[in-house]
Amino acid sequence: MTSRERLEHVLRAEPADRTPFVPSIYEHGAAVIGKSPCETSRSAELMARAAVESYRRYAHDLVTVGIDIYNIEAEAWGCALSGGEGMSVPGVITHPLAELPELEFAQRSEPVPGEDNRLGLFVEAVGEVVAEIGDSVWVYGCLGGPFSQAVELRGFDNLVMDMLTAPDAVHAFLDRLTAATLEHARRVSASGAGVYLYESWATLPLITVDIFRDYVTPHNKRIVQSIKREHTTPPPAVIMGGDVTLIGGFFLDMGVSLIAVDYLADFAKLRANFDGTNTIVRGCVDPKMIERGDWDGLERMLDHLAEKSQGMHNFVWGCGCVSYATPPEHLLRFKALCAERR
């Protein structure tokens, strides 16, 4: 089976020739090609090469394109970024809407477009990866989800307070961001890639289950369902870390293709919701354990996941974001440990 065929079987909850291996590779791809994350994130050619060369080295079963995956949309709306020195990934350092009073924010309820815009550069990079390896493997473009974009623009504390004092303004704001993100997702989908929506600012316990239900689910669902209706690309997903045990049902409601089950989550409870569904369940280990080579700890974690997922055909192996500093031989050994178990 090719990686593409393998994931298609798993998505249908059908047996594949082996359990797919789906690590999260972003800035680590820059290390693979000997470039810094910052330099790679500013070049379509380097971003594409980082994804393709990582695939050549690790032969993972799903390829994601992106480096500073939370910054591209935020920067386009006017957030300033850090320089990303050395091995570090650029990050948001200003929140353009943070200083607006609640009343003015409620009246405006829209982002302020900025001058720097890498949206087109990103779509170009995704298209290059699809053209080179898309026949063999699912390729996904990584987009910031509407809620996480709202946090970057308004600031987390301000946005939470706005939910209490001006909920209609927050929904109007999220509607605007959702519309813009959907248009960007359509451009990515037109290149033949799937869409990952990243919502790490929506992680519990940063927010409550009610906030996730009311402010995260409906806006991401709009994007997911629109792309599924309009495109035959690898189906979209909403990705976040943390403990998703209490919010698993909302992912089913959104209709996502994949849910990342972090090492913090209760896998047994989530399996009750997702076993046999058309949602891929990625069992994730702590990537820092891979970076430092904690093989005893990794073996225990993998044994636990192997036991909990036994007989589950829509399960795949994975991990959180592989760091820039992770030695390639460590990631390859982690892959071998996964292969030994399924």
C-alpha atoms as a PDB file:
ATOM      1  CA  MET A   1       0.000   0.000   0.000  1.00  0.00           C
ATOM      2  CA  THR A   2       1.045   3.582  -0.540  1.00  0.00           C
ATOM      3  CA  SER A   3       0.687   5.981   2.362  1.00  0.00           C
ATOM      4  CA  ARG A   4      -2.344   7.495   0.637  1.00  0.00           C
ATOM      5  CA  GLU A   5      -4.038   4.108   0.278  1.00  0.00           C
ATOM      6  CA  ARG A   6      -3.179   3.251   3.876  1.00  0.00           C
ATOM      7  CA  LEU A   7      -4.845   6.402   5.247  1.00  0.00           C
ATOM      8  CA  GLU A   8      -7.882   5.920   3.011  1.00  0.00           C
ATOM      9  CA  HIS A   9      -8.390   2.466   4.556  1.00  0.00           C
ATOM     10  CA  VAL A  10      -7.957   3.808   8.070  1.00  0.00           C
ATOM     11  CA  LEU A  11     -10.398   6.663   7.434  1.00  0.00           C
ATOM     12  CA  ARG A  12     -13.012   4.048   6.519  1.00  0.00           C
ATOM     13  CA  ALA A  13     -12.099   2.103   9.695  1.00  0.00           C
ATOM     14  CA  GLU A  14     -10.881  -0.777   7.534  1.00  0.00           C
ATOM     15  CA  PRO A  15      -7.734  -2.862   8.137  1.00  0.00           C
ATOM     16  CA  ALA A  16      -4.565  -1.618   6.434  1.00  0.00           C
ATOM     17  CA  ASP A  17      -1.287  -3.429   5.804  1.00  0.00           C
ATOM     18  CA  ARG A  18       0.135  -1.714   8.905  1.00  0.00           C
ATOM     19  CA  THR A  19      -0.769   1.029  11.362  1.00  0.00           C
ATOM     20  CA  PRO A  20       0.161   4.386   9.816  1.00  0.00           C
ATOM     21  CA  PHE A  21       2.904   6.550  11.335  1.00  0.00           C
ATOM     22  CA  VAL A  22       1.854  10.202  11.616  1.00  0.00           C
ATOM     23  CA  PRO A  23       4.305  12.393  13.581  1.00  0.00           C
ATOM     24  CA  SER A  24       3.848  16.182  13.625  1.00  0.00           C
ATOM     25  CA  ILE A  25       6.726  17.663  11.619  1.00  0.00           C
ATOM     26  CA  TYR A  26       6.938  21.445  11.237  1.00  0.00           C
ATOM     27  CA  GLU A  27      10.094  23.307  12.312  1.00  0.00           C
ATOM     28  CA  HIS A  28      11.907  19.970  12.416  1.00  0.00           C
ATOM     29  CA  GLY A  29      11.594  20.014   8.629  1.00  0.00           C
ATOM     30  CA  ALA A  30      13.754  23.136   8.591  1.00  0.00           C
ATOM     31  CA  ALA A  31      16.437  21.211  10.493  1.00  0.00           C
ATOM     32  CA  VAL A  32      16.218  18.396   7.937  1.00  0.00           C
ATOM     33  CA  ILE A  33      17.225  20.810   5.153  1.00  0.00           C
ATOM     34  CA  GLY A  34      19.792  22.646   7.284  1.00  0.00           C
ATOM     35  CA  LYS A  35      17.918  25.950   7.503  1.00  0.00           C
ATOM     36  CA  SER A  36      16.520  27.960  10.401  1.00  0.00           C
ATOM     37  CA  PRO A  37      12.774  27.933  11.081  1.00  0.00           C
ATOM     38  CA  CYS A  38      12.584  31.677  10.408  1.00  0.00           C
ATOM     39  CA  GLU A  39      14.346  31.482   7.035  1.00  0.00           C
ATOM     40  CA  THR A  40      12.284  28.485   5.982  1.00  0.00           C
ATOM     41  CA  SER A  41       9.011  30.121   6.970  1.00  0.00           C
ATOM     42  CA  ARG A  42       9.685  33.055   4.628  1.00  0.00           C
ATOM     43  CA  SER A  43      10.295  31.014   1.484  1.00  0.00           C
ATOM     44  CA  ALA A  44       7.785  28.902  -0.443  1.00  0.00           C
ATOM     45  CA  GLU A  45      10.643  26.921  -1.961  1.00  0.00           C
ATOM     46  CA  LEU A  46      12.251  26.149   1.410  1.00  0.00           C
ATOM     47  CA  MET A  47       8.937  25.386   3.115  1.00  0.00           C
ATOM     48  CA  ALA A  48       8.078  22.911   0.359  1.00  0.00           C
ATOM     49  CA  ARG A  49      11.561  21.370   0.424  1.00  0.00           C
ATOM     50  CA  ALA A  50      11.377  20.945   4.199  1.00  0.00           C
ATOM     51  CA  ALA A  51       8.145  18.950   3.864  1.00  0.00           C
ATOM     52  CA  VAL A  52       9.315  16.838   0.930  1.00  0.00           C
ATOM     53  CA  GLU A  53      12.777  16.057   2.324  1.00  0.00           C
ATOM     54  CA  SER A  54      11.262  15.107   5.672  1.00  0.00           C
ATOM     55  CA  TYR A  55       8.984  12.687   3.848  1.00  0.00           C
ATOM     56  CA  ARG A  56      11.945  11.233   1.966  1.00  0.00           C
ATOM     57  CA  ARG A  57      13.794  10.697   5.242  1.00  0.00           C
ATOM     58  CA  TYR A  58      11.024   9.428   7.526  1.00  0.00           C
ATOM     59  CA  ALA A  59       8.420   7.994   5.105  1.00  0.00           C
ATOM     60  CA  HIS A  60       5.613   9.092   7.409  1.00  0.00           C
ATOM     61  CA  ASP A  61       2.081   8.489   6.216  1.00  0.00           C
ATOM     62  CA  LEU A  62       0.722  12.055   6.293  1.00  0.00           C
ATOM     63  CA  VAL A  63       2.682  15.174   5.346  1.00  0.00           C
ATOM     64  CA  THR A  64       1.922  18.623   6.774  1.00  0.00           C
ATOM     65  CA  VAL A  65       3.222  21.843   5.227  1.00  0.00           C
ATOM     66  CA  GLY A  66       4.054  24.694   7.570  1.00  0.00           C
ATOM     67  CA  ILE A  67       6.634  26.025  10.011  1.00  0.00           C
ATOM     68  CA  ASP A  68       5.200  28.782  12.232  1.00  0.00           C
ATOM     69  CA  ILE A  69       1.706  27.429  11.798  1.00  0.00           C
ATOM     70  CA  TYR A  70      -0.073  29.897  14.121  1.00  0.00           C
ATOM     71  CA  ASN A  71       1.481  33.023  12.669  1.00  0.00           C
ATOM     72  CA  ILE A  72       0.618  33.287   8.986  1.00  0.00           C
ATOM     73  CA  GLU A  73      -2.984  34.411   9.341  1.00  0.00           C
ATOM     74  CA  ALA A  74      -2.258  36.478  12.460  1.00  0.00           C
ATOM     75  CA  GLU A  75       0.566  38.294  10.684  1.00  0.00           C
ATOM     76  CA  ALA A  76      -1.651  38.935   7.668  1.00  0.00           C
ATOM     77  CA  TRP A  77      -4.167  40.637   9.980  1.00  0.00           C
ATOM     78  CA  GLY A  78      -1.506  42.862  11.528  1.00  0.00           C
ATOM     79  CA  CYS A  79       0.182  40.988  14.393  1.00  0.00           C
ATOM     80  CA  ALA A  80       3.928  41.607  14.672  1.00  0.00           C
ATOM     81  CA  LEU A  81       6.212  38.573  14.989  1.00  0.00           C
ATOM     82  CA  SER A  82       9.446  37.924  16.827  1.00  0.00           C
ATOM     83  CA  GLY A  83      12.562  37.410  14.754  1.00  0.00           C
ATOM     84  CA  GLY A  84      12.853  33.710  15.436  1.00  0.00           C
ATOM     85  CA  GLU A  85      16.569  33.641  16.188  1.00  0.00           C
ATOM     86  CA  GLY A  86      18.538  30.430  15.726  1.00  0.00           C
ATOM     87  CA  MET A  87      16.446  27.326  16.347  1.00  0.00           C
ATOM     88  CA  SER A  88      13.444  29.248  17.698  1.00  0.00           C
ATOM     89  CA  VAL A  89      10.182  29.578  15.817  1.00  0.00           C
ATOM     90  CA  PRO A  90       8.816  33.122  15.219  1.00  0.00           C
ATOM     91  CA  GLY A  91       5.914  34.011  17.477  1.00  0.00           C
ATOM     92  CA  VAL A  92       3.246  36.680  17.828  1.00  0.00           C
ATOM     93  CA  ILE A  93       4.396  39.625  19.983  1.00  0.00           C
ATOM     94  CA  THR A  94       1.623  42.213  19.436  1.00  0.00           C
ATOM     95  CA  HIS A  95      -2.171  42.016  19.558  1.00  0.00           C
ATOM     96  CA  PRO A  96      -3.531  44.803  17.302  1.00  0.00           C
ATOM     97  CA  LEU A  97      -7.014  44.847  18.821  1.00  0.00           C
ATOM     98  CA  ALA A  98      -5.969  44.462  22.460  1.00  0.00           C
ATOM     99  CA  GLU A  99      -6.223  48.131  23.399  1.00  0.00           C
ATOM    100  CA  LEU A 100      -9.672  48.799  21.974  1.00  0.00           C
ATOM    101  CA  PRO A 101     -12.315  49.483  24.632  1.00  0.00           C
ATOM    102  CA  GLU A 102     -15.076  46.909  24.822  1.00  0.00           C
ATOM    103  CA  LEU A 103     -17.663  49.202  23.177  1.00  0.00           C
ATOM    104  CA  GLU A 104     -15.354  50.111  20.277  1.00  0.00           C
ATOM    105  CA  PHE A 105     -14.386  46.482  19.842  1.00  0.00           C
ATOM    106  CA  ALA A 106     -18.063  45.503  19.758  1.00  0.00           C
ATOM    107  CA  GLN A 107     -18.745  48.095  17.072  1.00  0.00           C
ATOM    108  CA  ARG A 108     -15.759  47.159  14.946  1.00  0.00           C
ATOM    109  CA  SER A 109     -15.728  43.371  15.425  1.00  0.00           C
ATOM    110  CA  GLU A 110     -13.317  42.834  12.561  1.00  0.00           C
ATOM    111  CA  PRO A 111      -9.571  42.400  12.153  1.00  0.00           C
ATOM    112  CA  VAL A 112      -7.321  45.155  10.901  1.00  0.00           C
ATOM    113  CA  PRO A 113      -5.499  43.975   7.757  1.00  0.00           C
ATOM    114  CA  GLY A 114      -1.723  44.281   7.899  1.00  0.00           C
ATOM    115  CA  GLU A 115       0.839  44.845   5.172  1.00  0.00           C
ATOM    116  CA  ASP A 116       2.836  41.619   5.580  1.00  0.00           C
ATOM    117  CA  ASN A 117       1.028  38.688   4.032  1.00  0.00           C
ATOM    118  CA  ARG A 118       2.386  35.192   3.484  1.00  0.00           C
ATOM    119  CA  LEU A 119      -0.956  33.593   2.633  1.00  0.00           C
ATOM    120  CA  GLY A 120      -0.109  33.318  -1.061  1.00  0.00           C
ATOM    121  CA  LEU A 121       3.419  32.114  -0.329  1.00  0.00           C
ATOM    122  CA  PHE A 122       1.989  29.357   1.852  1.00  0.00           C
ATOM    123  CA  VAL A 123      -0.491  28.210  -0.817  1.00  0.00           C
ATOM    124  CA  GLU A 124       2.385  28.123  -3.304  1.00  0.00           C
ATOM    125  CA  ALA A 125       4.429  25.913  -0.977  1.00  0.00           C
ATOM    126  CA  VAL A 126       1.510  23.535  -0.434  1.00  0.00           C
ATOM    127  CA  GLY A 127       0.972  23.250  -4.194  1.00  0.00           C
ATOM    128  CA  GLU A 128       4.632  22.383  -4.754  1.00  0.00           C
ATOM    129  CA  VAL A 129       4.469  19.573  -2.191  1.00  0.00           C
ATOM    130  CA  VAL A 130       1.261  18.160  -3.659  1.00  0.00           C
ATOM    131  CA  ALA A 131       2.781  18.217  -7.147  1.00  0.00           C
ATOM    132  CA  GLU A 132       5.863  16.328  -5.983  1.00  0.00           C
ATOM    133  CA  ILE A 133       4.531  13.687  -3.586  1.00  0.00           C
ATOM    134  CA  GLY A 134       0.750  14.058  -3.493  1.00  0.00           C
ATOM    135  CA  ASP A 135       0.137  10.940  -5.574  1.00  0.00           C
ATOM    136  CA  SER A 136       1.695   8.816  -2.827  1.00  0.00           C
ATOM    137  CA  VAL A 137       0.752  10.524   0.425  1.00  0.00           C
ATOM    138  CA  TRP A 138      -1.903  12.811   1.866  1.00  0.00           C
ATOM    139  CA  VAL A 139      -0.616  16.389   2.034  1.00  0.00           C
ATOM    140  CA  TYR A 140      -2.178  18.923   4.411  1.00  0.00           C
ATOM    141  CA  GLY A 141      -1.826  22.690   4.637  1.00  0.00           C
ATOM    142  CA  CYS A 142      -1.817  24.055   8.197  1.00  0.00           C
ATOM    143  CA  LEU A 143      -4.113  27.006   8.953  1.00  0.00           C
ATOM    144  CA  GLY A 144      -4.810  28.868  12.160  1.00  0.00           C
ATOM    145  CA  GLY A 145      -8.362  28.246  13.359  1.00  0.00           C
ATOM    146  CA  PRO A 146     -10.744  31.185  13.882  1.00  0.00           C
ATOM    147  CA  PHE A 147     -10.679  31.062  17.690  1.00  0.00           C
ATOM    148  CA  SER A 148      -6.877  30.993  17.861  1.00  0.00           C
ATOM    149  CA  GLN A 149      -6.677  33.859  15.371  1.00  0.00           C
ATOM    150  CA  ALA A 150      -9.091  35.847  17.529  1.00  0.00           C
ATOM    151  CA  VAL A 151      -6.873  35.292  20.575  1.00  0.00           C
ATOM    152  CA  GLU A 152      -3.791  36.523  18.706  1.00  0.00           C
ATOM    153  CA  LEU A 153      -5.586  39.668  17.568  1.00  0.00           C
ATOM    154  CA  ARG A 154      -7.500  40.587  20.712  1.00  0.00           C
ATOM    155  CA  GLY A 155      -5.382  38.908  23.422  1.00  0.00           C
ATOM    156  CA  PHE A 156      -6.548  35.907  25.453  1.00  0.00           C
ATOM    157  CA  ASP A 157      -7.667  37.710  28.616  1.00  0.00           C
ATOM    158  CA  ASN A 158      -9.516  40.384  26.634  1.00  0.00           C
ATOM    159  CA  LEU A 159     -11.319  37.824  24.485  1.00  0.00           C
ATOM    160  CA  VAL A 160     -12.475  35.800  27.478  1.00  0.00           C
ATOM    161  CA  MET A 161     -13.784  38.949  29.131  1.00  0.00           C
ATOM    162  CA  ASP A 162     -15.530  39.926  25.874  1.00  0.00           C
ATOM    163  CA  MET A 163     -17.392  36.617  25.951  1.00  0.00           C
ATOM    164  CA  LEU A 164     -18.904  37.686  29.247  1.00  0.00           C
ATOM    165  CA  THR A 165     -19.629  41.310  28.381  1.00  0.00           C
ATOM    166  CA  ALA A 166     -20.121  41.371  24.586  1.00  0.00           C
ATOM    167  CA  PRO A 167     -20.827  37.839  23.326  1.00  0.00           C
ATOM    168  CA  ASP A 168     -22.538  39.044  20.142  1.00  0.00           C
ATOM    169  CA  ALA A 169     -19.448  41.069  19.241  1.00  0.00           C
ATOM    170  CA  VAL A 170     -17.235  38.016  19.751  1.00  0.00           C
ATOM    171  CA  HIS A 171     -19.410  35.902  17.453  1.00  0.00           C
ATOM    172  CA  ALA A 172     -19.404  38.665  14.830  1.00  0.00           C
ATOM    173  CA  PHE A 173     -15.624  38.808  15.106  1.00  0.00           C
ATOM    174  CA  LEU A 174     -15.343  35.030  14.762  1.00  0.00           C
ATOM    175  CA  ASP A 175     -17.742  35.077  11.808  1.00  0.00           C
ATOM    176  CA  ARG A 176     -15.435  37.496  10.001  1.00  0.00           C
ATOM    177  CA  LEU A 177     -12.370  35.402  10.764  1.00  0.00           C
ATOM    178  CA  THR A 178     -14.186  32.224   9.741  1.00  0.00           C
ATOM    179  CA  ALA A 179     -15.141  33.703   6.367  1.00  0.00           C
ATOM    180  CA  ALA A 180     -11.542  34.781   5.711  1.00  0.00           C
ATOM    181  CA  THR A 181     -10.181  31.408   6.838  1.00  0.00           C
ATOM    182  CA  LEU A 182     -12.658  29.557   4.634  1.00  0.00           C
ATOM    183  CA  GLU A 183     -11.481  31.487   1.584  1.00  0.00           C
ATOM    184  CA  HIS A 184      -7.878  30.653   2.441  1.00  0.00           C
ATOM    185  CA  ALA A 185      -8.860  26.998   2.995  1.00  0.00           C
ATOM    186  CA  ARG A 186     -10.471  26.926  -0.443  1.00  0.00           C
ATOM    187  CA  ARG A 187      -7.209  28.091  -2.036  1.00  0.00           C
ATOM    188  CA  VAL A 188      -5.303  25.376  -0.199  1.00  0.00           C
ATOM    189  CA  SER A 189      -7.890  22.771  -1.188  1.00  0.00           C
ATOM    190  CA  ALA A 190      -7.754  23.864  -4.832  1.00  0.00           C
ATOM    191  CA  SER A 191      -4.076  22.855  -4.830  1.00  0.00           C
ATOM    192  CA  GLY A 192      -5.126  19.283  -3.976  1.00  0.00           C
ATOM    193  CA  ALA A 193      -4.204  19.389  -0.291  1.00  0.00           C
ATOM    194  CA  GLY A 194      -6.252  18.760   2.811  1.00  0.00           C
ATOM    195  CA  VAL A 195      -6.766  21.412   5.473  1.00  0.00           C
ATOM    196  CA  TYR A 196      -5.683  21.254   9.107  1.00  0.00           C
ATOM    197  CA  LEU A 197      -7.214  23.926  11.352  1.00  0.00           C
ATOM    198  CA  TYR A 198      -5.057  24.486  14.423  1.00  0.00           C
ATOM    199  CA  GLU A 199      -6.862  25.608  17.585  1.00  0.00           C
ATOM    200  CA  SER A 200      -4.365  25.262  20.422  1.00  0.00           C
ATOM    201  CA  TRP A 201      -5.723  28.383  22.144  1.00  0.00           C
ATOM    202  CA  ALA A 202      -8.923  26.376  22.570  1.00  0.00           C
ATOM    203  CA  THR A 203      -7.226  23.730  24.687  1.00  0.00           C
ATOM    204  CA  LEU A 204      -8.741  22.739  28.012  1.00  0.00           C
ATOM    205  CA  PRO A 205      -8.164  23.983  30.715  1.00  0.00           C
ATOM    206  CA  LEU A 206      -7.345  27.320  29.038  1.00  0.00           C
ATOM    207  CA  ILE A 207     -11.050  27.483  28.220  1.00  0.00           C
ATOM    208  CA  THR A 208     -14.124  25.619  29.448  1.00  0.00           C
ATOM    209  CA  VAL A 209     -16.191  22.976  27.697  1.00  0.00           C
ATOM    210  CA  ASP A 210     -19.000  25.522  27.267  1.00  0.00           C
ATOM    211  CA  ILE A 211     -16.692  28.003  25.548  1.00  0.00           C
ATOM    212  CA  PHE A 212     -15.457  25.272  23.211  1.00  0.00           C
ATOM    213  CA  ARG A 213     -19.041  24.326  22.387  1.00  0.00           C
ATOM    214  CA  ASP A 214     -20.250  27.881  21.784  1.00  0.00           C
ATOM    215  CA  TYR A 215     -17.252  29.724  20.332  1.00  0.00           C
ATOM    216  CA  VAL A 216     -15.004  27.065  18.762  1.00  0.00           C
ATOM    217  CA  THR A 217     -17.210  24.291  17.416  1.00  0.00           C
ATOM    218  CA  PRO A 218     -19.704  26.201  15.207  1.00  0.00           C
ATOM    219  CA  HIS A 219     -17.091  28.300  13.416  1.00  0.00           C
ATOM    220  CA  ASN A 220     -14.731  25.419  12.702  1.00  0.00           C
ATOM    221  CA  LYS A 221     -17.679  23.245  11.686  1.00  0.00           C
ATOM    222  CA  ARG A 222     -18.622  25.815   9.050  1.00  0.00           C
ATOM    223  CA  ILE A 223     -15.170  25.536   7.466  1.00  0.00           C
ATOM    224  CA  VAL A 224     -14.928  21.749   7.756  1.00  0.00           C
ATOM    225  CA  GLN A 225     -18.347  21.109   6.263  1.00  0.00           C
ATOM    226  CA  SER A 226     -17.889  23.644   3.445  1.00  0.00           C
ATOM    227  CA  ILE A 227     -14.574  22.117   2.363  1.00  0.00           C
ATOM    228  CA  LYS A 228     -15.982  18.590   2.525  1.00  0.00           C
ATOM    229  CA  ARG A 229     -18.898  19.614   0.286  1.00  0.00           C
ATOM    230  CA  GLU A 230     -16.780  21.510  -2.216  1.00  0.00           C
ATOM    231  CA  HIS A 231     -13.594  19.437  -2.540  1.00  0.00           C
ATOM    232  CA  THR A 232     -12.500  15.805  -2.841  1.00  0.00           C
ATOM    233  CA  THR A 233      -9.150  16.441  -1.162  1.00  0.00           C
ATOM    234  CA  PRO A 234      -8.037  14.645   2.010  1.00  0.00           C
ATOM    235  CA  PRO A 235     -10.807  15.622   4.426  1.00  0.00           C
ATOM    236  CA  PRO A 236     -10.246  18.507   6.875  1.00  0.00           C
ATOM    237  CA  ALA A 237      -9.422  18.216  10.544  1.00  0.00           C
ATOM    238  CA  VAL A 238      -9.253  20.432  13.629  1.00  0.00           C
ATOM    239  CA  ILE A 239      -6.026  19.877  15.570  1.00  0.00           C
ATOM    240  CA  MET A 240      -5.127  20.828  19.119  1.00  0.00           C
ATOM    241  CA  GLY A 241      -3.126  19.439  21.988  1.00  0.00           C
ATOM    242  CA  GLY A 242      -4.078  18.905  25.586  1.00  0.00           C
ATOM    243  CA  ASP A 243      -6.749  16.706  27.096  1.00  0.00           C
ATOM    244  CA  VAL A 244      -9.614  16.370  24.599  1.00  0.00           C
ATOM    245  CA  THR A 245     -11.490  13.762  26.669  1.00  0.00           C
ATOM    246  CA  LEU A 246     -14.379  16.056  27.583  1.00  0.00           C
ATOM    247  CA  ILE A 247     -14.811  17.582  24.129  1.00  0.00           C
ATOM    248  CA  GLY A 248     -14.531  14.526  21.865  1.00  0.00           C
ATOM    249  CA  GLY A 249     -18.191  14.709  20.898  1.00  0.00           C
ATOM    250  CA  PHE A 250     -17.747  18.189  19.457  1.00  0.00           C
ATOM    251  CA  PHE A 251     -15.153  16.861  16.998  1.00  0.00           C
ATOM    252  CA  LEU A 252     -17.713  14.344  15.801  1.00  0.00           C
ATOM    253  CA  ASP A 253     -20.218  17.172  15.406  1.00  0.00           C
ATOM    254  CA  MET A 254     -17.724  19.148  13.305  1.00  0.00           C
ATOM    255  CA  GLY A 255     -17.201  16.108  11.070  1.00  0.00           C
ATOM    256  CA  VAL A 256     -13.404  16.156  11.234  1.00  0.00           C
ATOM    257  CA  SER A 257     -11.252  13.509   9.593  1.00  0.00           C
ATOM    258  CA  LEU A 258      -8.754  13.207  12.446  1.00  0.00           C
ATOM    259  CA  ILE A 259      -8.550  13.832  16.175  1.00  0.00           C
ATOM    260  CA  ALA A 260      -5.222  14.069  17.997  1.00  0.00           C
ATOM    261  CA  VAL A 261      -5.441  12.199  21.293  1.00  0.00           C
ATOM    262  CA  ASP A 262      -2.642  13.592  23.431  1.00  0.00           C
ATOM    263  CA  TYR A 263      -0.896  11.552  26.097  1.00  0.00           C
ATOM    264  CA  LEU A 264      -2.888  13.541  28.675  1.00  0.00           C
ATOM    265  CA  ALA A 265      -6.259  12.256  27.429  1.00  0.00           C
ATOM    266  CA  ASP A 266      -8.290   9.248  28.575  1.00  0.00           C
ATOM    267  CA  PHE A 267      -7.924   7.041  25.511  1.00  0.00           C
ATOM    268  CA  ALA A 268     -10.443   4.460  26.696  1.00  0.00           C
ATOM    269  CA  LYS A 269     -13.208   7.062  27.010  1.00  0.00           C
ATOM    270  CA  LEU A 270     -12.434   8.572  23.616  1.00  0.00           C
ATOM    271  CA  ARG A 271     -12.373   5.166  21.973  1.00  0.00           C
ATOM    272  CA  ALA A 272     -15.978   4.666  23.045  1.00  0.00           C
ATOM    273  CA  ASN A 273     -16.888   7.677  20.888  1.00  0.00           C
ATOM    274  CA  PHE A 274     -14.613   7.156  17.900  1.00  0.00           C
ATOM    275  CA  ASP A 275     -14.044   3.428  17.383  1.00  0.00           C
ATOM    276  CA  GLY A 276     -15.352   2.428  13.946  1.00  0.00           C
ATOM    277  CA  THR A 277     -16.158   6.000  12.884  1.00  0.00           C
ATOM    278  CA  ASN A 278     -14.839   7.868   9.842  1.00  0.00           C
ATOM    279  CA  THR A 279     -12.526   9.852  12.084  1.00  0.00           C
ATOM    280  CA  ILE A 280      -8.878   8.850  12.383  1.00  0.00           C
ATOM    281  CA  VAL A 281      -7.674   8.681  15.992  1.00  0.00           C
ATOM    282  CA  ARG A 282      -4.022   9.632  16.349  1.00  0.00           C
ATOM    283  CA  GLY A 283      -2.521   8.348  19.579  1.00  0.00           C
ATOM    284  CA  CYS A 284       0.190  10.858  20.487  1.00  0.00           C
ATOM    285  CA  VAL A 285       3.219  10.498  22.745  1.00  0.00           C
ATOM    286  CA  ASP A 286       5.192  13.354  24.304  1.00  0.00           C
ATOM    287  CA  PRO A 287       7.638  14.623  21.615  1.00  0.00           C
ATOM    288  CA  LYS A 288      10.080  15.804  24.283  1.00  0.00           C
ATOM    289  CA  MET A 289      10.613  12.159  25.200  1.00  0.00           C
ATOM    290  CA  ILE A 290      11.662  11.515  21.606  1.00  0.00           C
ATOM    291  CA  GLU A 291      13.980  14.528  21.614  1.00  0.00           C
ATOM    292  CA  ARG A 292      15.847  13.412  24.732  1.00  0.00           C
ATOM    293  CA  GLY A 293      15.739   9.695  23.864  1.00  0.00           C
ATOM    294  CA  ASP A 294      13.684   8.488  26.840  1.00  0.00           C
ATOM    295  CA  TRP A 295      13.251   5.029  25.332  1.00  0.00           C
ATOM    296  CA  ASP A 296      12.028   3.286  28.476  1.00  0.00           C
ATOM    297  CA  GLY A 297       9.334   5.914  28.952  1.00  0.00           C
ATOM    298  CA  LEU A 298       8.368   5.790  25.290  1.00  0.00           C
ATOM    299  CA  GLU A 299       8.078   2.017  25.340  1.00  0.00           C
ATOM    300  CA  ARG A 300       5.728   2.201  28.318  1.00  0.00           C
ATOM    301  CA  MET A 301       3.638   4.871  26.624  1.00  0.00           C
ATOM    302  CA  LEU A 302       3.473   2.909  23.361  1.00  0.00           C
ATOM    303  CA  ASP A 303       2.574  -0.311  25.176  1.00  0.00           C
ATOM    304  CA  HIS A 304      -0.290   1.548  26.873  1.00  0.00           C
ATOM    305  CA  LEU A 305      -1.579   2.913  23.554  1.00  0.00           C
ATOM    306  CA  ALA A 306      -1.184  -0.456  21.845  1.00  0.00           C
ATOM    307  CA  GLU A 307      -3.286  -2.101  24.546  1.00  0.00           C
ATOM    308  CA  LYS A 308      -5.991   0.584  24.491  1.00  0.00           C
ATOM    309  CA  SER A 309      -6.244   0.630  20.669  1.00  0.00           C
ATOM    310  CA  GLN A 310      -6.142  -3.123  20.056  1.00  0.00           C
ATOM    311  CA  GLY A 311      -8.504  -4.014  17.184  1.00  0.00           C
ATOM    312  CA  MET A 312      -9.186  -0.350  16.368  1.00  0.00           C
ATOM    313  CA  HIS A 313      -8.768   0.047  12.615  1.00  0.00           C
ATOM    314  CA  ASN A 314      -9.026   3.858  12.592  1.00  0.00           C
ATOM    315  CA  PHE A 315      -6.025   4.293  14.913  1.00  0.00           C
ATOM    316  CA  VAL A 316      -2.641   5.732  13.866  1.00  0.00           C
ATOM    317  CA  TRP A 317       0.630   6.320  15.709  1.00  0.00           C
ATOM    318  CA  GLY A 318       1.743   9.882  16.284  1.00  0.00           C
ATOM    319  CA  CYS A 319       3.339  12.468  18.512  1.00  0.00           C
ATOM    320  CA  GLY A 320       3.168  16.164  19.226  1.00  0.00           C
ATOM    321  CA  CYS A 321       5.308  18.683  17.377  1.00  0.00           C
ATOM    322  CA  VAL A 322       8.789  17.251  16.739  1.00  0.00           C
ATOM    323  CA  SER A 323      11.305  19.866  17.838  1.00  0.00           C
ATOM    324  CA  TYR A 324      13.991  21.426  15.672  1.00  0.00           C
ATOM    325  CA  ALA A 325      16.612  19.920  17.999  1.00  0.00           C
ATOM    326  CA  THR A 326      15.335  16.328  17.799  1.00  0.00           C
ATOM    327  CA  PRO A 327      18.060  14.093  16.291  1.00  0.00           C
ATOM    328  CA  PRO A 328      16.772  12.364  13.136  1.00  0.00           C
ATOM    329  CA  GLU A 329      17.931   9.002  14.463  1.00  0.00           C
ATOM    330  CA  HIS A 330      15.654   9.479  17.473  1.00  0.00           C
ATOM    331  CA  LEU A 331      12.582   9.978  15.297  1.00  0.00           C
ATOM    332  CA  LEU A 332      13.524   6.954  13.195  1.00  0.00           C
ATOM    333  CA  ARG A 333      13.926   4.836  16.331  1.00  0.00           C
ATOM    334  CA  PHE A 334      10.532   6.026  17.566  1.00  0.00           C
ATOM    335  CA  LYS A 335       9.046   4.950  14.219  1.00  0.00           C
ATOM    336  CA  ALA A 336      10.648   1.504  14.618  1.00  0.00           C
ATOM    337  CA  LEU A 337       9.197   1.166  18.130  1.00  0.00           C
ATOM    338  CA  CYS A 338       5.721   1.913  16.755  1.00  0.00           C
ATOM    339  CA  ALA A 339       6.165  -0.635  13.980  1.00  0.00           C
ATOM    340  CA  GLU A 340       7.062  -3.337  16.504  1.00  0.00           C
ATOM    341  CA  ARG A 341       3.683  -3.012  18.169  1.00  0.00           C
ATOM    342  CA  ARG A 342       1.152  -3.024  15.340  1.00  0.00           C
END
